[in-house]
Structures are given as C-alpha cells and as structure tokens.
Amino acid sequence: MLDQYNRHINYLRVSVTDRCNLRCSYCMPENDPCLLSHEDILSFEEIREVVATAVSMGIDKVRLTGGEPLVRRDIIDLVKMISGVTGVRDLSMTTNATLLSHFAGPLAEAGLHRINISLDTMDPEKFRELTRGGDIRKVFAGIRAAKKAGLSPIKVNCVLAENEESRDAMDLKNYCLDNGLKIRFIKQMDLKSGHFSVVEGGSGGDCRSCNRLRLTSDGKIKPCLFSDIAYDIRVDGTREALEKALRNKPEKGTVSYRNCFHSIGG
C-alpha cells in the first residue's frame, strides 16, 4: 500500500490490551489510568479480521503490543490465529518480559517470530522505582527463555530521559553486546507536546519513512501515534477504516491529546 506521500505502508501494530502488570512512570499514571471497560476491548476474532483484511491490502508485518500483551488471557491463541493468516511474513511482540519466562516457548510454538523487550536500566532498585514495583530478575529470566525458544532477534528498547551516554544506557548497551541482543535507544516522548525523535538503532520516529498503521485495543485504526486521527472498525467497517487511515495518514506527527501510551502501544 502507498499513502499520499508515496510511503510504502506494510506494518500494522496491534494493541491487544491497555492493561499492564507494571506502572512505568513515563507510560501509565500510578493512579486512575483511565482503563477501558472489558466490553470495549476487541475480541480475538475481531483482531484477526483486521489483520487478515490488512494483509489482503498489503500489510505483511504485524507487531502485538499493549499495555502488556502477555497479561491478555489466552494470548497464545491469538498468536496462533494471526500466524495462521497467509501473508503475515513477520510476527513480533513488544513486552516488558516479566511474564516471558512462562510464555516464550509457547509463543514460539504458536508462530511468533521475534520479540522486543522494554528495559531502561540494569539497576534493580532503579528498575523497581521506574516501574513502581517491578522485579528486574523476571526480565532477565524472560530474556533467557526467549533466547532458548529461538525468538530472534531479541531487541531491547531503552527509553532515555537524558541521552545515550548515560550510565544506565551504557550498562544496557554492554549487557546487550555481551548477550547477543540488539539495543535501541528511544528518547522519552510526550504525546501532548509533540516531542519525539528518531529511534537510535531503529527507524521509529522518522516520519519520512513511516510504514505503519496502528490498531488500538478498542478498535480504532490510527495512521499516526502523534495525531488524534482515528477510524473505528465497529463503525466504519474494517476495510473502510483501514482505507481512511491510509488516505489520511499525515505527512508527519504533530500532537495527540486523546491518547495514552498504555492504550495505543507506544
């Protein structure tokens, strides 16, 4: 698919839930995170329909996100459903990895290809503070399980409040080099101020080459993270919502007042 700026759109990011088992300070409010009601969350059948329709239009790369996708009940079944869609060439997931030691093997068996892991520090106490209670040992266990299961490549997403020369960033970089992982530095973003930049070690944030559409956990197709443009599959129908998002994908991101990272998948 080509949008009006001649960008090749082949990537769909799917938020399967706005729930998370952590409360990272830059992603989700500590109290009253404005969670969706369960009846508003898309069913697996609805998600698969969106993926299948998108693939028929030219999408071949799908990433499952959250919130935290591994807290969605029966997530393995959804991975099986999506991996079974003919034309999905690349199926991946972004996770905080605290539950991954239990899921890595079944995810690989269900058809997941690779995984991105969110980790911002190697310091257990700082990790606990950033995530408001998380146990970093579970993340390392999840990474080991992902390697054993063959989910490769494993990419580590590090959100930077400062710059890539910070102690946390350098410690993480060295850990990734020592363990055969790929590191990506993501400067902290702000939806409402429109503050974002190109991911170091990746292509996210480069509007000139953006190749993605997004499906929120309550069924909105969004052409841009930093925009309030959205089309509801339950109102417009799946194909029409996708076509509208493609036609109206902005040239570049601006601001978003209606979205939260935990509900749209960052």
Protein backbone atom coordinates (compact mmCIF):
# COMPACT_ATOMS: atom_id res chain seq x y z
CA MET A 1 0.00 0.00 0.00
CA LEU A 2 1.16 3.53 -0.76
CA ASP A 3 -0.09 6.56 1.12
CA GLN A 4 -0.49 10.04 -0.37
CA TYR A 5 3.20 10.77 0.30
CA ASN A 6 4.30 7.63 -1.56
CA ARG A 7 5.35 5.80 1.60
CA HIS A 8 5.08 2.02 1.47
CA ILE A 9 2.71 1.02 4.30
CA ASN A 10 3.23 -2.64 5.23
CA TYR A 11 3.31 -2.67 9.04
CA LEU A 12 0.40 -2.99 11.49
CA ARG A 13 0.91 -2.54 15.22
CA VAL A 14 -1.87 -4.17 17.24
CA SER A 15 -2.57 -3.18 20.84
CA VAL A 16 -4.27 -6.21 22.38
CA THR A 17 -4.95 -4.65 25.80
CA ASP A 18 -4.49 -1.42 27.71
CA ARG A 19 -3.73 -3.38 30.90
CA CYS A 20 -0.22 -3.81 32.26
CA ASN A 21 1.33 -5.50 35.28
CA LEU A 22 3.79 -2.61 35.71
CA ARG A 23 3.25 1.12 36.15
CA CYS A 24 6.21 2.70 34.37
CA SER A 25 6.32 6.37 35.25
CA TYR A 26 6.54 7.63 31.63
CA CYS A 27 3.81 5.33 30.30
CA MET A 28 0.97 4.85 32.78
CA PRO A 29 -0.32 7.02 35.65
CA GLU A 30 0.19 5.50 39.08
CA ASN A 31 -3.48 6.04 39.97
CA ASP A 32 -6.59 6.18 37.79
CA PRO A 33 -5.00 5.14 34.48
CA CYS A 34 -8.32 5.53 32.61
CA LEU A 35 -8.58 1.89 31.60
CA LEU A 36 -11.11 0.74 29.02
CA SER A 37 -14.06 -1.40 30.00
CA HIS A 38 -13.72 -5.07 29.08
CA GLU A 39 -16.62 -4.92 26.63
CA ASP A 40 -14.83 -2.22 24.64
CA ILE A 41 -11.73 -4.37 24.09
CA LEU A 42 -11.58 -6.15 20.73
CA SER A 43 -12.14 -9.90 20.70
CA PHE A 44 -9.53 -12.18 19.17
CA GLU A 45 -11.86 -12.78 16.25
CA GLU A 46 -12.12 -9.04 15.59
CA ILE A 47 -8.34 -8.63 15.77
CA ARG A 48 -7.79 -11.49 13.36
CA GLU A 49 -10.30 -9.99 10.93
CA VAL A 50 -8.43 -6.69 10.97
CA VAL A 51 -5.10 -8.45 10.40
CA ALA A 52 -6.48 -10.60 7.58
CA THR A 53 -8.06 -7.59 5.87
CA ALA A 54 -4.92 -5.52 6.29
CA VAL A 55 -2.80 -8.34 4.83
CA SER A 56 -5.09 -8.52 1.82
CA MET A 57 -4.36 -4.82 1.28
CA GLY A 58 -0.58 -5.13 1.54
CA ILE A 59 0.37 -5.44 5.22
CA ASP A 60 2.90 -8.23 5.83
CA LYS A 61 4.41 -7.22 9.18
CA VAL A 62 2.43 -7.38 12.46
CA ARG A 63 3.52 -6.49 15.99
CA LEU A 64 1.48 -7.23 19.11
CA THR A 65 1.71 -4.61 21.84
CA GLY A 66 -0.24 -3.42 24.88
CA GLY A 67 -0.26 -2.27 27.60
CA GLU A 68 1.46 -5.54 28.26
CA PRO A 69 0.29 -8.15 25.74
CA LEU A 70 1.15 -11.10 27.98
CA VAL A 71 -1.50 -10.11 30.53
CA ARG A 72 -4.22 -10.68 27.91
CA ARG A 73 -5.85 -14.01 28.70
CA ASP A 74 -5.18 -16.77 26.15
CA ILE A 75 -2.70 -14.61 24.23
CA ILE A 76 -1.13 -17.78 22.78
CA ASP A 77 -4.40 -18.48 20.97
CA LEU A 78 -4.29 -15.03 19.36
CA VAL A 79 -0.72 -15.58 18.19
CA LYS A 80 -1.80 -18.86 16.59
CA MET A 81 -4.72 -17.14 14.87
CA ILE A 82 -2.55 -14.36 13.44
CA SER A 83 0.36 -16.60 12.45
CA GLY A 84 -2.15 -18.66 10.51
CA VAL A 85 -3.09 -15.71 8.29
CA THR A 86 -1.45 -16.31 4.92
CA GLY A 87 0.76 -13.36 4.06
CA VAL A 88 1.99 -12.47 7.56
CA ARG A 89 5.72 -12.54 6.93
CA ASP A 90 6.89 -11.07 10.24
CA LEU A 91 5.03 -11.53 13.54
CA SER A 92 6.58 -9.94 16.61
CA MET A 93 5.70 -8.69 20.08
CA THR A 94 6.79 -5.93 22.45
CA THR A 95 6.75 -6.94 26.12
CA ASN A 96 8.19 -5.91 29.47
CA ALA A 97 9.32 -9.59 29.74
CA THR A 98 8.32 -10.04 33.39
CA LEU A 99 6.00 -12.90 32.33
CA LEU A 100 8.06 -14.06 29.38
CA SER A 101 9.79 -16.96 31.12
CA HIS A 102 6.40 -18.72 31.20
CA PHE A 103 5.34 -17.73 27.67
CA ALA A 104 8.44 -17.74 25.46
CA GLY A 105 8.29 -21.39 24.44
CA PRO A 106 4.54 -21.47 23.75
CA LEU A 107 4.77 -18.17 21.86
CA ALA A 108 7.45 -19.56 19.55
CA GLU A 109 5.46 -22.75 19.02
CA ALA A 110 2.37 -20.67 18.20
CA GLY A 111 4.22 -18.84 15.43
CA LEU A 112 5.75 -15.73 16.99
CA HIS A 113 9.00 -14.87 15.21
CA ARG A 114 10.76 -12.36 17.41
CA ILE A 115 10.44 -10.12 20.43
CA ASN A 116 11.25 -6.62 21.66
CA ILE A 117 11.81 -6.15 25.37
CA SER A 118 11.36 -2.88 27.23
CA LEU A 119 14.20 -2.32 29.73
CA ASP A 120 15.56 1.04 30.83
CA THR A 121 18.17 0.19 33.46
CA MET A 122 20.29 -2.65 34.80
CA ASP A 123 19.92 -1.40 38.38
CA PRO A 124 17.34 -3.50 40.32
CA GLU A 125 16.37 -0.66 42.65
CA LYS A 126 16.06 1.91 39.89
CA PHE A 127 14.01 -0.58 37.86
CA ARG A 128 11.70 -1.01 40.85
CA GLU A 129 11.29 2.76 41.08
CA LEU A 130 10.73 3.32 37.35
CA THR A 131 8.17 0.51 37.12
CA ARG A 132 6.65 1.18 40.56
CA GLY A 133 7.35 -2.27 41.96
CA GLY A 134 8.77 -4.42 39.16
CA ASP A 135 11.32 -7.21 39.70
CA ILE A 136 14.17 -6.98 37.19
CA ARG A 137 15.13 -10.60 37.81
CA LYS A 138 11.97 -11.65 36.00
CA VAL A 139 13.04 -9.63 32.96
CA PHE A 140 16.42 -11.38 32.79
CA ALA A 141 14.67 -14.74 33.18
CA GLY A 142 12.37 -13.79 30.32
CA ILE A 143 15.31 -12.87 28.11
CA ARG A 144 16.96 -16.22 28.79
CA ALA A 145 13.71 -18.02 27.97
CA ALA A 146 13.29 -16.05 24.73
CA LYS A 147 16.81 -16.98 23.63
CA LYS A 148 16.18 -20.64 24.43
CA ALA A 149 12.90 -20.58 22.50
CA GLY A 150 14.60 -19.13 19.41
CA LEU A 151 12.71 -15.83 19.37
CA SER A 152 15.30 -13.94 17.37
CA PRO A 153 16.48 -11.30 17.04
CA ILE A 154 15.79 -10.06 20.55
CA LYS A 155 15.76 -6.26 20.67
CA VAL A 156 15.93 -4.26 23.87
CA ASN A 157 14.08 -0.93 23.91
CA CYS A 158 15.64 1.56 26.31
CA VAL A 159 13.74 4.80 26.97
CA LEU A 160 16.15 7.63 27.66
CA ALA A 161 15.28 10.58 29.85
CA GLU A 162 18.72 12.03 29.11
CA ASN A 163 20.99 10.81 26.30
CA GLU A 164 22.62 7.61 25.12
CA GLU A 165 25.78 8.37 27.13
CA SER A 166 24.01 7.97 30.48
CA ARG A 167 25.24 5.28 32.87
CA ASP A 168 22.03 3.28 32.50
CA ALA A 169 22.26 3.38 28.72
CA MET A 170 25.91 2.33 28.64
CA ASP A 171 25.36 -0.53 31.10
CA LEU A 172 22.45 -1.78 29.00
CA LYS A 173 24.46 -1.46 25.80
CA ASN A 174 27.26 -3.55 27.27
CA TYR A 175 24.79 -6.15 28.57
CA CYS A 176 23.23 -6.45 25.11
CA LEU A 177 26.61 -6.78 23.41
CA ASP A 178 27.64 -9.49 25.87
CA ASN A 179 24.39 -11.44 25.38
CA GLY A 180 23.81 -11.18 21.64
CA LEU A 181 20.92 -8.71 21.92
CA LYS A 182 20.21 -5.63 19.84
CA ILE A 183 19.84 -2.32 21.69
CA ARG A 184 17.54 0.52 20.62
CA PHE A 185 17.54 3.89 22.38
CA ILE A 186 14.21 5.73 22.43
CA LYS A 187 14.21 9.28 23.72
CA GLN A 188 11.30 9.90 26.06
CA MET A 189 8.25 11.07 24.12
CA ASP A 190 5.34 13.33 25.02
CA LEU A 191 2.14 12.92 23.02
CA LYS A 192 0.59 16.21 24.09
CA SER A 193 3.62 18.38 23.36
CA GLY A 194 4.53 16.50 20.18
CA HIS A 195 8.02 15.70 21.45
CA PHE A 196 9.53 12.71 19.65
CA SER A 197 12.67 11.80 17.74
CA VAL A 198 14.10 9.02 15.58
CA VAL A 199 14.82 5.79 17.48
CA GLU A 200 18.57 5.17 17.71
CA GLY A 201 19.16 1.68 16.36
CA GLY A 202 15.74 1.60 14.67
CA SER A 203 13.50 3.52 12.27
CA GLY A 204 10.66 4.61 14.55
CA GLY A 205 10.08 8.34 14.74
CA ASP A 206 11.29 9.01 11.18
CA CYS A 207 8.13 10.39 9.58
CA ARG A 208 9.66 10.43 6.10
CA SER A 209 9.87 6.63 6.03
CA CYS A 210 7.00 5.69 8.35
CA ASN A 211 5.44 2.43 7.15
CA ARG A 212 2.86 1.73 9.85
CA LEU A 213 -0.75 1.85 10.83
CA ARG A 214 -2.00 1.12 14.35
CA LEU A 215 -4.95 -0.77 15.77
CA THR A 216 -5.90 0.26 19.29
CA SER A 217 -7.26 -2.25 21.78
CA ASP A 218 -10.77 -0.80 21.40
CA GLY A 219 -10.84 -0.98 17.61
CA LYS A 220 -9.56 2.33 16.27
CA ILE A 221 -7.28 2.38 13.24
CA LYS A 222 -4.74 5.16 13.68
CA PRO A 223 -2.40 6.34 10.94
CA CYS A 224 -0.04 8.11 13.34
CA LEU A 225 0.87 7.90 17.03
CA PHE A 226 1.25 11.68 17.26
CA SER A 227 -2.19 12.51 15.90
CA ASP A 228 -5.78 12.20 17.07
CA ILE A 229 -6.94 10.88 13.68
CA ALA A 230 -8.66 7.51 14.16
CA TYR A 231 -11.29 5.38 12.43
CA ASP A 232 -13.44 2.89 14.29
CA ILE A 233 -13.69 -0.58 12.72
CA ARG A 234 -17.01 -1.14 14.53
CA VAL A 235 -18.48 1.99 12.96
CA ASP A 236 -16.84 2.24 9.55
CA GLY A 237 -16.14 -1.45 8.99
CA THR A 238 -12.66 -2.92 8.89
CA ARG A 239 -11.69 -2.27 5.26
CA GLU A 240 -13.13 1.23 5.18
CA ALA A 241 -11.40 2.17 8.44
CA LEU A 242 -8.09 0.93 7.05
CA GLU A 243 -8.60 2.76 3.76
CA LYS A 244 -9.49 6.00 5.54
CA ALA A 245 -6.42 5.74 7.74
CA LEU A 246 -4.24 5.14 4.69
CA ARG A 247 -5.75 8.07 2.76
CA ASN A 248 -5.42 10.43 5.69
CA LYS A 249 -2.05 9.42 7.10
CA PRO A 250 -0.37 12.75 7.87
CA GLU A 251 2.98 13.73 6.42
CA LYS A 252 4.41 13.99 9.92
CA GLY A 253 3.41 13.66 13.54
CA THR A 254 2.15 16.66 15.48
CA VAL A 255 0.39 16.18 18.83
CA SER A 256 -2.18 13.85 20.36
CA TYR A 257 -4.47 14.92 23.16
CA ARG A 258 -6.71 11.86 23.26
CA ASN A 259 -4.23 9.01 23.53
CA CYS A 260 -2.17 7.35 26.23
CA PHE A 261 0.86 5.15 25.58
CA HIS A 262 -0.58 2.24 27.58
CA SER A 263 -3.67 2.08 25.36
CA ILE A 264 -2.10 2.59 21.94
CA GLY A 265 1.11 0.62 22.11
CA GLY A 266 3.82 3.29 22.04
